Amino acid sequence: MVPGGVPFPMLSDPNGRIGEVYGVFDEEAGVDMRGRFIIDPDGVIVASETLTPPVGRNPAELIRQIQAFQHVRATGEVCPSGWQPGKPTLNPGPELVGKVYQIWKPEQA
């Protein structure tokens, strides 16, 4: 990480062109709303969040979600709500449908 910087790409959108494409440009205010998008290596948006300017985003949650998507991609397992690296995951399949609450307990997160 560069001192004072962030370890991932960020961009500026002074004309709102990118915001228009991603649906976060506020035409009335003439600015982009606070938006973040997680895009996988195949170019697919796997997560997005849009907040109005008065409310900030949670960097820790963003990092947790990136770690979860990386884990899912590497293992094929799924990460339940609140999952943290090293905590239990789930194996997807028909037997899991409607039974997540029986298999995974929130205190495991």
C-alpha atoms as a PDB file:
ATOM      1  CA  MET A   1       0.000   0.000   0.000  1.00  0.00           C
ATOM      2  CA  VAL A   2       1.244   3.449  -0.853  1.00  0.00           C
ATOM      3  CA  PRO A   3       1.398   5.779   2.187  1.00  0.00           C
ATOM      4  CA  GLY A   4      -1.802   7.791   2.227  1.00  0.00           C
ATOM      5  CA  GLY A   5      -3.254   5.684  -0.567  1.00  0.00           C
ATOM      6  CA  VAL A   6      -5.430   2.642  -0.952  1.00  0.00           C
ATOM      7  CA  PRO A   7      -4.364  -0.799  -2.205  1.00  0.00           C
ATOM      8  CA  PHE A   8      -6.994  -0.943  -4.961  1.00  0.00           C
ATOM      9  CA  PRO A   9      -7.994   1.144  -7.972  1.00  0.00           C
ATOM     10  CA  MET A  10     -10.212   4.146  -7.415  1.00  0.00           C
ATOM     11  CA  LEU A  11     -11.434   6.685  -9.921  1.00  0.00           C
ATOM     12  CA  SER A  12     -12.955  10.099 -10.243  1.00  0.00           C
ATOM     13  CA  ASP A  13     -15.948  10.888 -12.430  1.00  0.00           C
ATOM     14  CA  PRO A  14     -16.106  14.690 -12.756  1.00  0.00           C
ATOM     15  CA  ASN A  15     -18.544  14.611 -15.705  1.00  0.00           C
ATOM     16  CA  GLY A  16     -20.795  11.840 -14.376  1.00  0.00           C
ATOM     17  CA  ARG A  17     -20.312   9.639 -17.452  1.00  0.00           C
ATOM     18  CA  ILE A  18     -19.343   6.557 -15.488  1.00  0.00           C
ATOM     19  CA  GLY A  19     -22.038   7.251 -12.897  1.00  0.00           C
ATOM     20  CA  GLU A  20     -24.645   7.296 -15.659  1.00  0.00           C
ATOM     21  CA  VAL A  21     -23.499   3.874 -16.912  1.00  0.00           C
ATOM     22  CA  TYR A  22     -23.635   2.389 -13.411  1.00  0.00           C
ATOM     23  CA  GLY A  23     -26.889   4.141 -12.497  1.00  0.00           C
ATOM     24  CA  VAL A  24     -25.493   6.281  -9.661  1.00  0.00           C
ATOM     25  CA  PHE A  25     -25.442   9.720 -11.288  1.00  0.00           C
ATOM     26  CA  ASP A  26     -27.816  12.194  -9.649  1.00  0.00           C
ATOM     27  CA  GLU A  27     -28.768  14.512 -12.528  1.00  0.00           C
ATOM     28  CA  GLU A  28     -30.481  17.053 -10.288  1.00  0.00           C
ATOM     29  CA  ALA A  29     -27.413  17.473  -8.057  1.00  0.00           C
ATOM     30  CA  GLY A  30     -24.970  16.968 -10.929  1.00  0.00           C
ATOM     31  CA  VAL A  31     -22.869  14.456  -8.971  1.00  0.00           C
ATOM     32  CA  ASP A  32     -22.459  10.731  -8.539  1.00  0.00           C
ATOM     33  CA  MET A  33     -23.982   9.189  -5.438  1.00  0.00           C
ATOM     34  CA  ARG A  34     -21.607   7.137  -3.293  1.00  0.00           C
ATOM     35  CA  GLY A  35     -21.372   3.910  -5.198  1.00  0.00           C
ATOM     36  CA  ARG A  36     -19.134   0.877  -4.971  1.00  0.00           C
ATOM     37  CA  PHE A  37     -19.059  -2.127  -7.217  1.00  0.00           C
ATOM     38  CA  ILE A  38     -17.243  -5.434  -6.827  1.00  0.00           C
ATOM     39  CA  ILE A  39     -16.406  -6.773 -10.271  1.00  0.00           C
ATOM     40  CA  ASP A  40     -15.082 -10.318 -10.564  1.00  0.00           C
ATOM     41  CA  PRO A  41     -12.170 -11.357 -12.813  1.00  0.00           C
ATOM     42  CA  ASP A  42     -14.684 -12.194 -15.573  1.00  0.00           C
ATOM     43  CA  GLY A  43     -15.970  -8.611 -15.588  1.00  0.00           C
ATOM     44  CA  VAL A  44     -19.270  -9.449 -13.856  1.00  0.00           C
ATOM     45  CA  ILE A  45     -20.631  -7.114 -11.173  1.00  0.00           C
ATOM     46  CA  VAL A  46     -21.128  -9.447  -8.195  1.00  0.00           C
ATOM     47  CA  ALA A  47     -22.011  -6.771  -5.632  1.00  0.00           C
ATOM     48  CA  SER A  48     -22.968  -3.130  -5.570  1.00  0.00           C
ATOM     49  CA  GLU A  49     -23.935  -0.554  -3.002  1.00  0.00           C
ATOM     50  CA  THR A  50     -25.241   2.958  -3.540  1.00  0.00           C
ATOM     51  CA  LEU A  51     -25.613   5.507  -0.771  1.00  0.00           C
ATOM     52  CA  THR A  52     -26.614   9.147  -0.838  1.00  0.00           C
ATOM     53  CA  PRO A  53     -23.805  11.590   0.068  1.00  0.00           C
ATOM     54  CA  PRO A  54     -24.656  12.057   3.767  1.00  0.00           C
ATOM     55  CA  VAL A  55     -23.874   8.417   4.623  1.00  0.00           C
ATOM     56  CA  GLY A  56     -20.425   6.884   4.210  1.00  0.00           C
ATOM     57  CA  ARG A  57     -19.540   3.373   3.140  1.00  0.00           C
ATOM     58  CA  ASN A  58     -17.996   0.721   5.411  1.00  0.00           C
ATOM     59  CA  PRO A  59     -14.498  -0.238   4.190  1.00  0.00           C
ATOM     60  CA  ALA A  60     -14.302  -3.225   6.564  1.00  0.00           C
ATOM     61  CA  GLU A  61     -17.494  -4.676   5.056  1.00  0.00           C
ATOM     62  CA  LEU A  62     -16.178  -4.077   1.547  1.00  0.00           C
ATOM     63  CA  ILE A  63     -12.991  -5.990   2.362  1.00  0.00           C
ATOM     64  CA  ARG A  64     -14.996  -8.813   4.003  1.00  0.00           C
ATOM     65  CA  GLN A  65     -17.156  -9.140   0.908  1.00  0.00           C
ATOM     66  CA  ILE A  66     -14.138  -9.205  -1.414  1.00  0.00           C
ATOM     67  CA  GLN A  67     -12.591 -11.939   0.752  1.00  0.00           C
ATOM     68  CA  ALA A  68     -15.869 -13.880   0.649  1.00  0.00           C
ATOM     69  CA  PHE A  69     -16.138 -13.628  -3.152  1.00  0.00           C
ATOM     70  CA  GLN A  70     -12.518 -14.751  -3.470  1.00  0.00           C
ATOM     71  CA  HIS A  71     -13.194 -17.708  -1.157  1.00  0.00           C
ATOM     72  CA  VAL A  72     -16.311 -18.716  -3.099  1.00  0.00           C
ATOM     73  CA  ARG A  73     -14.424 -18.515  -6.389  1.00  0.00           C
ATOM     74  CA  ALA A  74     -11.528 -20.608  -5.049  1.00  0.00           C
ATOM     75  CA  THR A  75     -13.558 -23.292  -3.245  1.00  0.00           C
ATOM     76  CA  GLY A  76     -17.116 -23.385  -4.596  1.00  0.00           C
ATOM     77  CA  GLU A  77     -18.364 -23.104  -1.011  1.00  0.00           C
ATOM     78  CA  VAL A  78     -20.759 -20.331  -0.040  1.00  0.00           C
ATOM     79  CA  CYS A  79     -20.262 -17.758   2.700  1.00  0.00           C
ATOM     80  CA  PRO A  80     -23.212 -17.065   4.988  1.00  0.00           C
ATOM     81  CA  SER A  81     -24.155 -13.641   6.296  1.00  0.00           C
ATOM     82  CA  GLY A  82     -21.424 -12.093   8.408  1.00  0.00           C
ATOM     83  CA  TRP A  83     -18.865 -14.721   7.357  1.00  0.00           C
ATOM     84  CA  GLN A  84     -15.241 -13.936   8.203  1.00  0.00           C
ATOM     85  CA  PRO A  85     -12.120 -15.631   6.807  1.00  0.00           C
ATOM     86  CA  GLY A  86     -11.433 -18.869   8.666  1.00  0.00           C
ATOM     87  CA  LYS A  87     -15.041 -19.262   9.794  1.00  0.00           C
ATOM     88  CA  PRO A  88     -17.404 -22.055   8.634  1.00  0.00           C
ATOM     89  CA  THR A  89     -18.824 -21.979   5.124  1.00  0.00           C
ATOM     90  CA  LEU A  90     -21.618 -23.947   3.501  1.00  0.00           C
ATOM     91  CA  ASN A  91     -21.636 -26.423   0.636  1.00  0.00           C
ATOM     92  CA  PRO A  92     -24.326 -25.412  -1.857  1.00  0.00           C
ATOM     93  CA  GLY A  93     -26.867 -27.960  -3.018  1.00  0.00           C
ATOM     94  CA  PRO A  94     -30.544 -28.896  -2.972  1.00  0.00           C
ATOM     95  CA  GLU A  95     -30.238 -30.337   0.549  1.00  0.00           C
ATOM     96  CA  LEU A  96     -29.313 -26.871   1.834  1.00  0.00           C
ATOM     97  CA  VAL A  97     -32.443 -25.137   0.501  1.00  0.00           C
ATOM     98  CA  GLY A  98     -34.645 -24.028   3.378  1.00  0.00           C
ATOM     99  CA  LYS A  99     -32.298 -25.550   5.962  1.00  0.00           C
ATOM    100  CA  VAL A 100     -29.512 -22.982   6.253  1.00  0.00           C
ATOM    101  CA  TYR A 101     -30.805 -21.978   9.691  1.00  0.00           C
ATOM    102  CA  GLN A 102     -30.402 -25.610  10.869  1.00  0.00           C
ATOM    103  CA  ILE A 103     -26.849 -25.986   9.558  1.00  0.00           C
ATOM    104  CA  TRP A 104     -25.339 -22.547  10.143  1.00  0.00           C
ATOM    105  CA  LYS A 105     -25.713 -20.543  13.317  1.00  0.00           C
ATOM    106  CA  PRO A 106     -24.989 -16.781  13.321  1.00  0.00           C
ATOM    107  CA  GLU A 107     -22.616 -17.183  16.269  1.00  0.00           C
ATOM    108  CA  GLN A 108     -20.331 -19.131  13.892  1.00  0.00           C
ATOM    109  CA  ALA A 109     -19.663 -15.949  11.916  1.00  0.00           C
END
